Amino acid sequence: MSFKLDDVLIEDTFAEAFPMYATRVFITAINAKWALVAARAATGLGTSVIACPGEAGIEKLVSSKLTPDQRPGAAIHIYHNDPATLKLVTLIRIGQCVLTAATASAFNGLPKVKRKMYIGKSLAKFGDGFEREDTIGGRKVWRIPVMEGEFIIEDSFGLVKGVAGGNILILAKSRDACLNAAEKAVKAIHRYGKYVVTPFPGGIVRSGSKVGSLKYPKLRATTNHPYCPVLRNIVKDTRIPEGVESVYEIVINGLRRDDVLMAMGLAIKAAASVPGVVKIDAGNYGGKLGPYHLRLKEALESVKSIEVKV
């Protein structure tokens, strides 16, 4: 049964999420600007595993007090369906985008996790025999000579089974209202959430998809037609109420189920506060795609004590 929050209808449904293997990387640099440059490059083309080399996003900026080399940093996540592919994708992203970025270094963002991927050892071969082992803050690292000086990378990176595909759908009277609500939702996630990323551009998805195709059987995913306002009077299974002219989706990946659930709750609270928002819904496939059924009601319950200001 649906319920209301700030006069916005909240569908009593669930987001259908699924397990993916994940790693977390601390990228440090001479200042926050260059840490963020490297982080943005390393997480590019990381929106969906459907057609990207893994899913990736920036979690947050990290204080120099919390990084192994006492330099400003950024925490990023990288996700894939299996450990072997995740290792390859992580190696490529760090090798092409962090090794090449001015002053940047790469450290394990999951130091307490037992399962490891030996990324640093593999990438060290770029040093062509001139690389050398060292320790920083008790961590084994490789120093790789580059034209600027040295690129430092930790020997191994933690590997966990994360949760991908948590989501909410924002339905609003206009595109402007919907975009405003989506922006506030993403801001709330990054301000109050933890250990999560929103991998799509700006954290927002305008082209939500469904599994498979009604017309083209070879396609893995096609437009989520029940949520396309321009198709409201064309398709029989429309989910668009009268008066709704725009829909945006927020997709969330995280290291743990509860982190993703909390981020969904934060996003709902923030979006529902925007005038013009009519309804909050979620994308699922009847429970057939993923084992994690993240209910919107439970998501809101998880953040009831947090006053969301964005």
C-alpha atoms as a PDB file:
ATOM      1  CA  MET A   1       0.000   0.000   0.000  1.00  0.00           C
ATOM      2  CA  SER A   2       1.435   3.395  -0.991  1.00  0.00           C
ATOM      3  CA  PHE A   3       2.018   6.176   1.542  1.00  0.00           C
ATOM      4  CA  LYS A   4       2.911   9.861   1.502  1.00  0.00           C
ATOM      5  CA  LEU A   5       5.929  11.936   2.488  1.00  0.00           C
ATOM      6  CA  ASP A   6       5.632  15.737   2.242  1.00  0.00           C
ATOM      7  CA  ASP A   7       2.551  15.275   0.019  1.00  0.00           C
ATOM      8  CA  VAL A   8       4.588  13.091  -2.342  1.00  0.00           C
ATOM      9  CA  LEU A   9       3.265   9.597  -3.027  1.00  0.00           C
ATOM     10  CA  ILE A  10       5.790   6.890  -2.134  1.00  0.00           C
ATOM     11  CA  GLU A  11       5.088   3.614  -3.890  1.00  0.00           C
ATOM     12  CA  ASP A  12       5.215   0.650  -1.513  1.00  0.00           C
ATOM     13  CA  THR A  13       7.662  -1.288  -3.670  1.00  0.00           C
ATOM     14  CA  PHE A  14      11.300  -2.316  -3.770  1.00  0.00           C
ATOM     15  CA  ALA A  15      14.437  -1.679  -5.764  1.00  0.00           C
ATOM     16  CA  GLU A  16      15.865  -4.921  -7.053  1.00  0.00           C
ATOM     17  CA  ALA A  17      19.631  -4.991  -6.484  1.00  0.00           C
ATOM     18  CA  PHE A  18      22.178  -7.707  -7.146  1.00  0.00           C
ATOM     19  CA  PRO A  19      25.642  -8.769  -5.962  1.00  0.00           C
ATOM     20  CA  MET A  20      28.783  -7.556  -7.721  1.00  0.00           C
ATOM     21  CA  TYR A  21      32.398  -7.800  -6.680  1.00  0.00           C
ATOM     22  CA  ALA A  22      33.872  -4.467  -5.616  1.00  0.00           C
ATOM     23  CA  THR A  23      37.112  -2.779  -4.687  1.00  0.00           C
ATOM     24  CA  ARG A  24      37.790   0.606  -3.096  1.00  0.00           C
ATOM     25  CA  VAL A  25      40.813   2.697  -4.034  1.00  0.00           C
ATOM     26  CA  PHE A  26      42.328   5.738  -2.349  1.00  0.00           C
ATOM     27  CA  ILE A  27      43.792   8.054  -4.968  1.00  0.00           C
ATOM     28  CA  THR A  28      46.071  10.674  -3.422  1.00  0.00           C
ATOM     29  CA  ALA A  29      47.850  13.630  -4.997  1.00  0.00           C
ATOM     30  CA  ILE A  30      49.666  16.856  -4.251  1.00  0.00           C
ATOM     31  CA  ASN A  31      46.299  18.525  -3.617  1.00  0.00           C
ATOM     32  CA  ALA A  32      42.581  17.753  -3.742  1.00  0.00           C
ATOM     33  CA  LYS A  33      42.295  19.165  -7.264  1.00  0.00           C
ATOM     34  CA  TRP A  34      44.664  16.597  -8.740  1.00  0.00           C
ATOM     35  CA  ALA A  35      43.273  13.746  -6.646  1.00  0.00           C
ATOM     36  CA  LEU A  36      39.856  14.550  -8.094  1.00  0.00           C
ATOM     37  CA  VAL A  37      41.235  14.826 -11.646  1.00  0.00           C
ATOM     38  CA  ALA A  38      42.673  11.313 -11.352  1.00  0.00           C
ATOM     39  CA  ALA A  39      39.536   9.960  -9.660  1.00  0.00           C
ATOM     40  CA  ARG A  40      37.261  11.320 -12.373  1.00  0.00           C
ATOM     41  CA  ALA A  41      39.427   9.846 -15.108  1.00  0.00           C
ATOM     42  CA  ALA A  42      39.667   6.464 -13.348  1.00  0.00           C
ATOM     43  CA  THR A  43      35.880   6.191 -12.985  1.00  0.00           C
ATOM     44  CA  GLY A  44      34.977   7.310 -16.516  1.00  0.00           C
ATOM     45  CA  LEU A  45      32.788   5.076 -18.716  1.00  0.00           C
ATOM     46  CA  GLY A  46      31.696   3.263 -15.569  1.00  0.00           C
ATOM     47  CA  THR A  47      27.924   3.681 -15.587  1.00  0.00           C
ATOM     48  CA  SER A  48      26.698   0.145 -16.284  1.00  0.00           C
ATOM     49  CA  VAL A  49      28.348  -3.234 -16.685  1.00  0.00           C
ATOM     50  CA  ILE A  50      25.953  -3.814 -19.594  1.00  0.00           C
ATOM     51  CA  ALA A  51      28.409  -2.058 -21.908  1.00  0.00           C
ATOM     52  CA  CYS A  52      31.150  -0.486 -19.762  1.00  0.00           C
ATOM     53  CA  PRO A  53      34.472  -1.856 -18.450  1.00  0.00           C
ATOM     54  CA  GLY A  54      32.979  -2.305 -14.998  1.00  0.00           C
ATOM     55  CA  GLU A  55      30.909   0.117 -12.959  1.00  0.00           C
ATOM     56  CA  ALA A  56      32.757   2.867 -11.118  1.00  0.00           C
ATOM     57  CA  GLY A  57      32.209   6.058  -9.184  1.00  0.00           C
ATOM     58  CA  ILE A  58      33.658   8.523  -6.702  1.00  0.00           C
ATOM     59  CA  GLU A  59      32.609   7.954  -3.101  1.00  0.00           C
ATOM     60  CA  LYS A  60      34.087  11.085  -1.501  1.00  0.00           C
ATOM     61  CA  LEU A  61      37.128  13.276  -0.999  1.00  0.00           C
ATOM     62  CA  VAL A  62      39.416  12.009   1.761  1.00  0.00           C
ATOM     63  CA  SER A  63      41.342  14.125   4.265  1.00  0.00           C
ATOM     64  CA  SER A  64      45.135  13.905   4.307  1.00  0.00           C
ATOM     65  CA  LYS A  65      44.766  12.723   7.915  1.00  0.00           C
ATOM     66  CA  LEU A  66      43.163   9.496   6.641  1.00  0.00           C
ATOM     67  CA  THR A  67      45.435   8.561   3.734  1.00  0.00           C
ATOM     68  CA  PRO A  68      48.587   6.396   3.963  1.00  0.00           C
ATOM     69  CA  ASP A  69      50.892   9.101   2.576  1.00  0.00           C
ATOM     70  CA  GLN A  70      49.226  12.033   4.391  1.00  0.00           C
ATOM     71  CA  ARG A  71      48.169  13.690   1.163  1.00  0.00           C
ATOM     72  CA  PRO A  72      44.671  14.769   0.064  1.00  0.00           C
ATOM     73  CA  GLY A  73      42.766  12.019  -1.681  1.00  0.00           C
ATOM     74  CA  ALA A  74      39.580  10.662  -3.193  1.00  0.00           C
ATOM     75  CA  ALA A  75      37.949   7.294  -2.576  1.00  0.00           C
ATOM     76  CA  ILE A  76      36.619   5.485  -5.641  1.00  0.00           C
ATOM     77  CA  HIS A  77      34.783   2.180  -6.133  1.00  0.00           C
ATOM     78  CA  ILE A  78      35.055  -0.238  -9.051  1.00  0.00           C
ATOM     79  CA  TYR A  79      32.544  -3.092  -9.600  1.00  0.00           C
ATOM     80  CA  HIS A  80      32.265  -6.145 -11.837  1.00  0.00           C
ATOM     81  CA  ASN A  81      30.487  -9.491 -12.000  1.00  0.00           C
ATOM     82  CA  ASP A  82      33.468 -11.731 -11.231  1.00  0.00           C
ATOM     83  CA  PRO A  83      36.797 -11.330  -9.408  1.00  0.00           C
ATOM     84  CA  ALA A  84      39.043 -12.044 -12.403  1.00  0.00           C
ATOM     85  CA  THR A  85      37.377  -9.397 -14.557  1.00  0.00           C
ATOM     86  CA  LEU A  86      37.324  -6.936 -11.667  1.00  0.00           C
ATOM     87  CA  LYS A  87      41.088  -7.351 -11.282  1.00  0.00           C
ATOM     88  CA  LEU A  88      41.637  -6.716 -14.988  1.00  0.00           C
ATOM     89  CA  VAL A  89      39.352  -3.684 -15.051  1.00  0.00           C
ATOM     90  CA  THR A  90      40.969  -2.241 -11.912  1.00  0.00           C
ATOM     91  CA  LEU A  91      44.428  -2.753 -13.375  1.00  0.00           C
ATOM     92  CA  ILE A  92      43.391  -0.979 -16.575  1.00  0.00           C
ATOM     93  CA  ARG A  93      41.687   1.932 -14.820  1.00  0.00           C
ATOM     94  CA  ILE A  94      44.600   2.567 -12.444  1.00  0.00           C
ATOM     95  CA  GLY A  95      47.215   1.976 -15.124  1.00  0.00           C
ATOM     96  CA  GLN A  96      45.633   4.245 -17.712  1.00  0.00           C
ATOM     97  CA  CYS A  97      44.175   6.952 -15.485  1.00  0.00           C
ATOM     98  CA  VAL A  98      46.079   7.134 -12.176  1.00  0.00           C
ATOM     99  CA  LEU A  99      49.590   6.164 -13.243  1.00  0.00           C
ATOM    100  CA  THR A 100      49.306   8.835 -15.950  1.00  0.00           C
ATOM    101  CA  ALA A 101      47.827  11.584 -13.725  1.00  0.00           C
ATOM    102  CA  ALA A 102      50.154  14.278 -12.361  1.00  0.00           C
ATOM    103  CA  THR A 103      51.376  13.574  -8.767  1.00  0.00           C
ATOM    104  CA  ALA A 104      48.783  10.786  -8.185  1.00  0.00           C
ATOM    105  CA  SER A 105      49.301   7.602  -6.144  1.00  0.00           C
ATOM    106  CA  ALA A 106      46.982   4.630  -5.509  1.00  0.00           C
ATOM    107  CA  PHE A 107      46.359   2.833  -2.207  1.00  0.00           C
ATOM    108  CA  ASN A 108      44.075   0.064  -0.962  1.00  0.00           C
ATOM    109  CA  GLY A 109      40.834   1.533   0.394  1.00  0.00           C
ATOM    110  CA  LEU A 110      39.854  -1.754   2.087  1.00  0.00           C
ATOM    111  CA  PRO A 111      42.926  -2.572   4.195  1.00  0.00           C
ATOM    112  CA  LYS A 112      41.067  -4.800   6.678  1.00  0.00           C
ATOM    113  CA  VAL A 113      39.588  -7.076   4.009  1.00  0.00           C
ATOM    114  CA  LYS A 114      41.299 -10.474   3.770  1.00  0.00           C
ATOM    115  CA  ARG A 115      40.617 -11.204   0.102  1.00  0.00           C
ATOM    116  CA  LYS A 116      43.123  -9.330  -2.098  1.00  0.00           C
ATOM    117  CA  MET A 117      43.906  -8.553  -5.719  1.00  0.00           C
ATOM    118  CA  TYR A 118      47.589  -8.023  -6.534  1.00  0.00           C
ATOM    119  CA  ILE A 119      47.260  -4.969  -8.717  1.00  0.00           C
ATOM    120  CA  GLY A 120      50.448  -3.151  -7.707  1.00  0.00           C
ATOM    121  CA  LYS A 121      52.715  -6.100  -8.409  1.00  0.00           C
ATOM    122  CA  SER A 122      51.294  -6.423 -11.923  1.00  0.00           C
ATOM    123  CA  LEU A 123      51.431  -2.717 -12.726  1.00  0.00           C
ATOM    124  CA  ALA A 124      54.971  -2.400 -11.346  1.00  0.00           C
ATOM    125  CA  LYS A 125      56.275  -4.084 -14.503  1.00  0.00           C
ATOM    126  CA  PHE A 126      55.685  -0.778 -16.268  1.00  0.00           C
ATOM    127  CA  GLY A 127      58.920   0.204 -14.515  1.00  0.00           C
ATOM    128  CA  ASP A 128      60.786  -2.114 -16.890  1.00  0.00           C
ATOM    129  CA  GLY A 129      62.933  -3.568 -14.131  1.00  0.00           C
ATOM    130  CA  PHE A 130      63.679  -0.221 -12.490  1.00  0.00           C
ATOM    131  CA  GLU A 131      60.696  -0.534 -10.103  1.00  0.00           C
ATOM    132  CA  ARG A 132      61.402  -1.181  -6.443  1.00  0.00           C
ATOM    133  CA  GLU A 133      59.527  -2.333  -3.334  1.00  0.00           C
ATOM    134  CA  ASP A 134      59.059  -0.080  -0.328  1.00  0.00           C
ATOM    135  CA  THR A 135      56.697   0.475   2.611  1.00  0.00           C
ATOM    136  CA  ILE A 136      54.545   3.483   3.459  1.00  0.00           C
ATOM    137  CA  GLY A 137      52.644   3.516   6.728  1.00  0.00           C
ATOM    138  CA  GLY A 138      53.282  -0.192   7.148  1.00  0.00           C
ATOM    139  CA  ARG A 139      51.883  -0.970   3.698  1.00  0.00           C
ATOM    140  CA  LYS A 140      53.866  -2.702   0.963  1.00  0.00           C
ATOM    141  CA  VAL A 141      54.096  -0.449  -2.083  1.00  0.00           C
ATOM    142  CA  TRP A 142      55.854  -0.278  -5.426  1.00  0.00           C
ATOM    143  CA  ARG A 143      57.789   2.767  -6.584  1.00  0.00           C
ATOM    144  CA  ILE A 144      57.667   3.019 -10.362  1.00  0.00           C
ATOM    145  CA  PRO A 145      59.942   5.536 -12.080  1.00  0.00           C
ATOM    146  CA  VAL A 146      58.102   7.978 -14.361  1.00  0.00           C
ATOM    147  CA  MET A 147      59.202  11.193 -16.073  1.00  0.00           C
ATOM    148  CA  GLU A 148      57.719  13.356 -13.283  1.00  0.00           C
ATOM    149  CA  GLY A 149      59.407  11.360 -10.506  1.00  0.00           C
ATOM    150  CA  GLU A 150      57.808   8.185  -9.089  1.00  0.00           C
ATOM    151  CA  PHE A 151      54.361   6.636  -9.195  1.00  0.00           C
ATOM    152  CA  ILE A 152      53.526   4.866  -5.927  1.00  0.00           C
ATOM    153  CA  ILE A 153      50.963   2.069  -5.820  1.00  0.00           C
ATOM    154  CA  GLU A 154      50.101  -0.333  -3.029  1.00  0.00           C
ATOM    155  CA  ASP A 155      50.884  -3.986  -3.716  1.00  0.00           C
ATOM    156  CA  SER A 156      47.363  -5.354  -3.136  1.00  0.00           C
ATOM    157  CA  PHE A 157      43.772  -4.116  -3.042  1.00  0.00           C
ATOM    158  CA  GLY A 158      40.827  -5.501  -1.063  1.00  0.00           C
ATOM    159  CA  LEU A 159      38.008  -7.373  -2.771  1.00  0.00           C
ATOM    160  CA  VAL A 160      34.463  -7.698  -1.389  1.00  0.00           C
ATOM    161  CA  LYS A 161      31.052  -8.784  -2.635  1.00  0.00           C
ATOM    162  CA  GLY A 162      29.143  -5.504  -2.876  1.00  0.00           C
ATOM    163  CA  VAL A 163      25.598  -4.566  -3.837  1.00  0.00           C
ATOM    164  CA  ALA A 164      24.744  -2.894  -7.147  1.00  0.00           C
ATOM    165  CA  GLY A 165      21.572  -1.525  -8.644  1.00  0.00           C
ATOM    166  CA  GLY A 166      19.881   0.090  -5.659  1.00  0.00           C
ATOM    167  CA  ASN A 167      17.648   2.795  -7.098  1.00  0.00           C
ATOM    168  CA  ILE A 168      14.784   5.229  -6.848  1.00  0.00           C
ATOM    169  CA  LEU A 169      12.644   6.762  -9.590  1.00  0.00           C
ATOM    170  CA  ILE A 170      11.578  10.395  -9.257  1.00  0.00           C
ATOM    171  CA  LEU A 171       8.362  11.372 -11.072  1.00  0.00           C
ATOM    172  CA  ALA A 172       7.654  15.103 -11.398  1.00  0.00           C
ATOM    173  CA  LYS A 173       5.412  17.626 -13.119  1.00  0.00           C
ATOM    174  CA  SER A 174       8.246  19.079 -15.189  1.00  0.00           C
ATOM    175  CA  ARG A 175      11.804  18.289 -16.254  1.00  0.00           C
ATOM    176  CA  ASP A 176      13.140  21.237 -14.253  1.00  0.00           C
ATOM    177  CA  ALA A 177      11.452  20.074 -11.050  1.00  0.00           C
ATOM    178  CA  CYS A 178      12.575  16.502 -11.649  1.00  0.00           C
ATOM    179  CA  LEU A 179      16.187  17.507 -12.307  1.00  0.00           C
ATOM    180  CA  ASN A 180      16.223  19.732  -9.226  1.00  0.00           C
ATOM    181  CA  ALA A 181      14.937  16.843  -7.117  1.00  0.00           C
ATOM    182  CA  ALA A 182      17.451  14.418  -8.619  1.00  0.00           C
ATOM    183  CA  GLU A 183      20.335  16.810  -7.969  1.00  0.00           C
ATOM    184  CA  LYS A 184      19.267  17.213  -4.349  1.00  0.00           C
ATOM    185  CA  ALA A 185      18.948  13.438  -3.995  1.00  0.00           C
ATOM    186  CA  VAL A 186      22.521  12.886  -5.195  1.00  0.00           C
ATOM    187  CA  LYS A 187      23.810  15.685  -2.974  1.00  0.00           C
ATOM    188  CA  ALA A 188      22.118  14.101   0.058  1.00  0.00           C
ATOM    189  CA  ILE A 189      23.655  10.711  -0.731  1.00  0.00           C
ATOM    190  CA  HIS A 190      27.163  12.126  -0.907  1.00  0.00           C
ATOM    191  CA  ARG A 191      26.721  14.396   2.115  1.00  0.00           C
ATOM    192  CA  TYR A 192      25.186  11.898   4.532  1.00  0.00           C
ATOM    193  CA  GLY A 193      25.778   8.447   3.020  1.00  0.00           C
ATOM    194  CA  LYS A 194      28.782   6.166   3.357  1.00  0.00           C
ATOM    195  CA  TYR A 195      30.592   3.571   1.224  1.00  0.00           C
ATOM    196  CA  VAL A 196      28.334   4.172  -1.795  1.00  0.00           C
ATOM    197  CA  VAL A 197      28.700   5.619  -5.280  1.00  0.00           C
ATOM    198  CA  THR A 198      26.245   6.900  -7.889  1.00  0.00           C
ATOM    199  CA  PRO A 199      27.935   5.733 -11.111  1.00  0.00           C
ATOM    200  CA  PHE A 200      25.899   7.570 -13.755  1.00  0.00           C
ATOM    201  CA  PRO A 201      26.697  11.097 -15.044  1.00  0.00           C
ATOM    202  CA  GLY A 202      26.202  13.479 -12.142  1.00  0.00           C
ATOM    203  CA  GLY A 203      24.650  10.529 -10.303  1.00  0.00           C
ATOM    204  CA  ILE A 204      21.491  10.813 -12.422  1.00  0.00           C
ATOM    205  CA  VAL A 205      19.990   8.496 -15.071  1.00  0.00           C
ATOM    206  CA  ARG A 206      17.586   9.840 -17.680  1.00  0.00           C
ATOM    207  CA  SER A 207      17.485   6.649 -19.757  1.00  0.00           C
ATOM    208  CA  GLY A 208      16.511   3.934 -17.303  1.00  0.00           C
ATOM    209  CA  SER A 209      16.372   0.513 -18.931  1.00  0.00           C
ATOM    210  CA  LYS A 210      14.478  -2.746 -18.736  1.00  0.00           C
ATOM    211  CA  VAL A 211      15.924  -6.214 -19.279  1.00  0.00           C
ATOM    212  CA  GLY A 212      15.682  -7.351 -22.897  1.00  0.00           C
ATOM    213  CA  SER A 213      13.572  -5.951 -25.724  1.00  0.00           C
ATOM    214  CA  LEU A 214      10.009  -6.183 -26.985  1.00  0.00           C
ATOM    215  CA  LYS A 215      11.140  -5.888 -30.613  1.00  0.00           C
ATOM    216  CA  TYR A 216      14.880  -6.591 -30.859  1.00  0.00           C
ATOM    217  CA  PRO A 217      15.647  -9.965 -29.226  1.00  0.00           C
ATOM    218  CA  LYS A 218      19.442  -9.589 -29.375  1.00  0.00           C
ATOM    219  CA  LEU A 219      19.487  -6.490 -27.157  1.00  0.00           C
ATOM    220  CA  ARG A 220      20.280  -6.984 -23.456  1.00  0.00           C
ATOM    221  CA  ALA A 221      18.526  -3.793 -22.376  1.00  0.00           C
ATOM    222  CA  THR A 222      16.146  -1.235 -23.862  1.00  0.00           C
ATOM    223  CA  THR A 223      14.255   1.843 -22.731  1.00  0.00           C
ATOM    224  CA  ASN A 224      12.089   1.396 -19.649  1.00  0.00           C
ATOM    225  CA  HIS A 225       8.939   2.186 -21.620  1.00  0.00           C
ATOM    226  CA  PRO A 226       6.432   2.038 -18.710  1.00  0.00           C
ATOM    227  CA  TYR A 227       8.237   5.052 -17.218  1.00  0.00           C
ATOM    228  CA  CYS A 228       8.545   7.142 -20.402  1.00  0.00           C
ATOM    229  CA  PRO A 229       6.060  10.045 -20.164  1.00  0.00           C
ATOM    230  CA  VAL A 230       5.896  10.458 -23.961  1.00  0.00           C
ATOM    231  CA  LEU A 231       4.542   6.891 -24.172  1.00  0.00           C
ATOM    232  CA  ARG A 232       1.865   7.313 -21.492  1.00  0.00           C
ATOM    233  CA  ASN A 233      -0.990   7.297 -24.009  1.00  0.00           C
ATOM    234  CA  ILE A 234       0.620   4.706 -26.288  1.00  0.00           C
ATOM    235  CA  VAL A 235       1.550   1.705 -24.102  1.00  0.00           C
ATOM    236  CA  LYS A 236      -0.918  -0.260 -22.004  1.00  0.00           C
ATOM    237  CA  ASP A 237       1.486  -0.890 -19.119  1.00  0.00           C
ATOM    238  CA  THR A 238       2.394   2.743 -18.459  1.00  0.00           C
ATOM    239  CA  ARG A 239       3.392   3.665 -14.907  1.00  0.00           C
ATOM    240  CA  ILE A 240       3.115   7.399 -15.494  1.00  0.00           C
ATOM    241  CA  PRO A 241       0.301   9.196 -13.616  1.00  0.00           C
ATOM    242  CA  GLU A 242      -1.521  12.150 -15.179  1.00  0.00           C
ATOM    243  CA  GLY A 243       0.412  15.356 -14.772  1.00  0.00           C
ATOM    244  CA  VAL A 244       3.868  13.724 -14.751  1.00  0.00           C
ATOM    245  CA  GLU A 245       6.108  14.959 -17.566  1.00  0.00           C
ATOM    246  CA  SER A 246       9.570  13.768 -16.497  1.00  0.00           C
ATOM    247  CA  VAL A 247      11.267  10.872 -14.684  1.00  0.00           C
ATOM    248  CA  TYR A 248      14.829  10.549 -13.431  1.00  0.00           C
ATOM    249  CA  GLU A 249      16.449   7.516 -11.832  1.00  0.00           C
ATOM    250  CA  ILE A 250      19.158   7.484  -9.173  1.00  0.00           C
ATOM    251  CA  VAL A 251      21.234   4.285  -9.217  1.00  0.00           C
ATOM    252  CA  ILE A 252      23.361   3.397  -6.178  1.00  0.00           C
ATOM    253  CA  ASN A 253      26.150   0.846  -5.714  1.00  0.00           C
ATOM    254  CA  GLY A 254      27.666   0.166  -2.313  1.00  0.00           C
ATOM    255  CA  LEU A 255      29.919  -2.095  -0.321  1.00  0.00           C
ATOM    256  CA  ARG A 256      27.053  -3.345   1.878  1.00  0.00           C
ATOM    257  CA  ARG A 257      23.292  -3.762   1.573  1.00  0.00           C
ATOM    258  CA  ASP A 258      22.564  -1.435   4.491  1.00  0.00           C
ATOM    259  CA  ASP A 259      24.734   1.319   2.995  1.00  0.00           C
ATOM    260  CA  VAL A 260      22.746   1.181  -0.254  1.00  0.00           C
ATOM    261  CA  LEU A 261      19.444   1.100   1.634  1.00  0.00           C
ATOM    262  CA  MET A 262      20.450   4.165   3.656  1.00  0.00           C
ATOM    263  CA  ALA A 263      21.466   6.027   0.495  1.00  0.00           C
ATOM    264  CA  MET A 264      18.058   5.273  -1.026  1.00  0.00           C
ATOM    265  CA  GLY A 265      16.358   6.693   2.058  1.00  0.00           C
ATOM    266  CA  LEU A 266      18.438   9.858   1.896  1.00  0.00           C
ATOM    267  CA  ALA A 267      17.597  10.270  -1.786  1.00  0.00           C
ATOM    268  CA  ILE A 268      13.861   9.829  -1.162  1.00  0.00           C
ATOM    269  CA  LYS A 269      13.855  12.411   1.638  1.00  0.00           C
ATOM    270  CA  ALA A 270      15.727  14.966  -0.430  1.00  0.00           C
ATOM    271  CA  ALA A 271      13.689  14.447  -3.613  1.00  0.00           C
ATOM    272  CA  ALA A 272      10.334  14.534  -1.836  1.00  0.00           C
ATOM    273  CA  SER A 273      11.106  17.997  -0.463  1.00  0.00           C
ATOM    274  CA  VAL A 274      11.135  19.575  -3.938  1.00  0.00           C
ATOM    275  CA  PRO A 275       7.932  21.252  -5.231  1.00  0.00           C
ATOM    276  CA  GLY A 276       6.622  19.574  -8.358  1.00  0.00           C
ATOM    277  CA  VAL A 277       7.614  16.044  -7.382  1.00  0.00           C
ATOM    278  CA  VAL A 278       4.532  13.826  -7.609  1.00  0.00           C
ATOM    279  CA  LYS A 279       5.770  10.349  -6.779  1.00  0.00           C
ATOM    280  CA  ILE A 280       8.795   8.263  -5.788  1.00  0.00           C
ATOM    281  CA  ASP A 281       8.989   4.754  -7.215  1.00  0.00           C
ATOM    282  CA  ALA A 282      11.698   2.119  -7.768  1.00  0.00           C
ATOM    283  CA  GLY A 283      12.805  -0.169 -10.559  1.00  0.00           C
ATOM    284  CA  ASN A 284      12.404  -3.916 -10.191  1.00  0.00           C
ATOM    285  CA  TYR A 285      11.682  -6.958 -12.296  1.00  0.00           C
ATOM    286  CA  GLY A 286       9.332  -8.789 -10.000  1.00  0.00           C
ATOM    287  CA  GLY A 287      12.186 -10.211  -7.956  1.00  0.00           C
ATOM    288  CA  LYS A 288      13.616 -12.216 -10.868  1.00  0.00           C
ATOM    289  CA  LEU A 289      16.850 -10.272 -11.434  1.00  0.00           C
ATOM    290  CA  GLY A 290      18.542  -9.850  -8.065  1.00  0.00           C
ATOM    291  CA  PRO A 291      18.318 -11.268  -4.526  1.00  0.00           C
ATOM    292  CA  TYR A 292      18.340  -7.894  -2.751  1.00  0.00           C
ATOM    293  CA  HIS A 293      14.855  -6.402  -2.474  1.00  0.00           C
ATOM    294  CA  LEU A 294      15.374  -2.931  -0.996  1.00  0.00           C
ATOM    295  CA  ARG A 295      11.970  -1.584   0.018  1.00  0.00           C
ATOM    296  CA  LEU A 296      11.371   2.158  -0.083  1.00  0.00           C
ATOM    297  CA  LYS A 297       9.568   2.039   3.254  1.00  0.00           C
ATOM    298  CA  GLU A 298      12.538   0.299   4.887  1.00  0.00           C
ATOM    299  CA  ALA A 299      14.918   2.786   3.262  1.00  0.00           C
ATOM    300  CA  LEU A 300      13.047   5.711   4.797  1.00  0.00           C
ATOM    301  CA  GLU A 301      12.944   3.974   8.159  1.00  0.00           C
ATOM    302  CA  SER A 302      16.727   3.643   8.090  1.00  0.00           C
ATOM    303  CA  VAL A 303      17.189   7.441   7.891  1.00  0.00           C
ATOM    304  CA  LYS A 304      14.319   8.613  10.084  1.00  0.00           C
ATOM    305  CA  SER A 305      16.718  10.182  12.581  1.00  0.00           C
ATOM    306  CA  ILE A 306      18.672  12.126   9.919  1.00  0.00           C
ATOM    307  CA  GLU A 307      17.611  15.676   9.089  1.00  0.00           C
ATOM    308  CA  VAL A 308      18.466  15.953   5.412  1.00  0.00           C
ATOM    309  CA  LYS A 309      19.511  19.467   4.384  1.00  0.00           C
ATOM    310  CA  VAL A 310      20.644  20.019   0.802  1.00  0.00           C
END
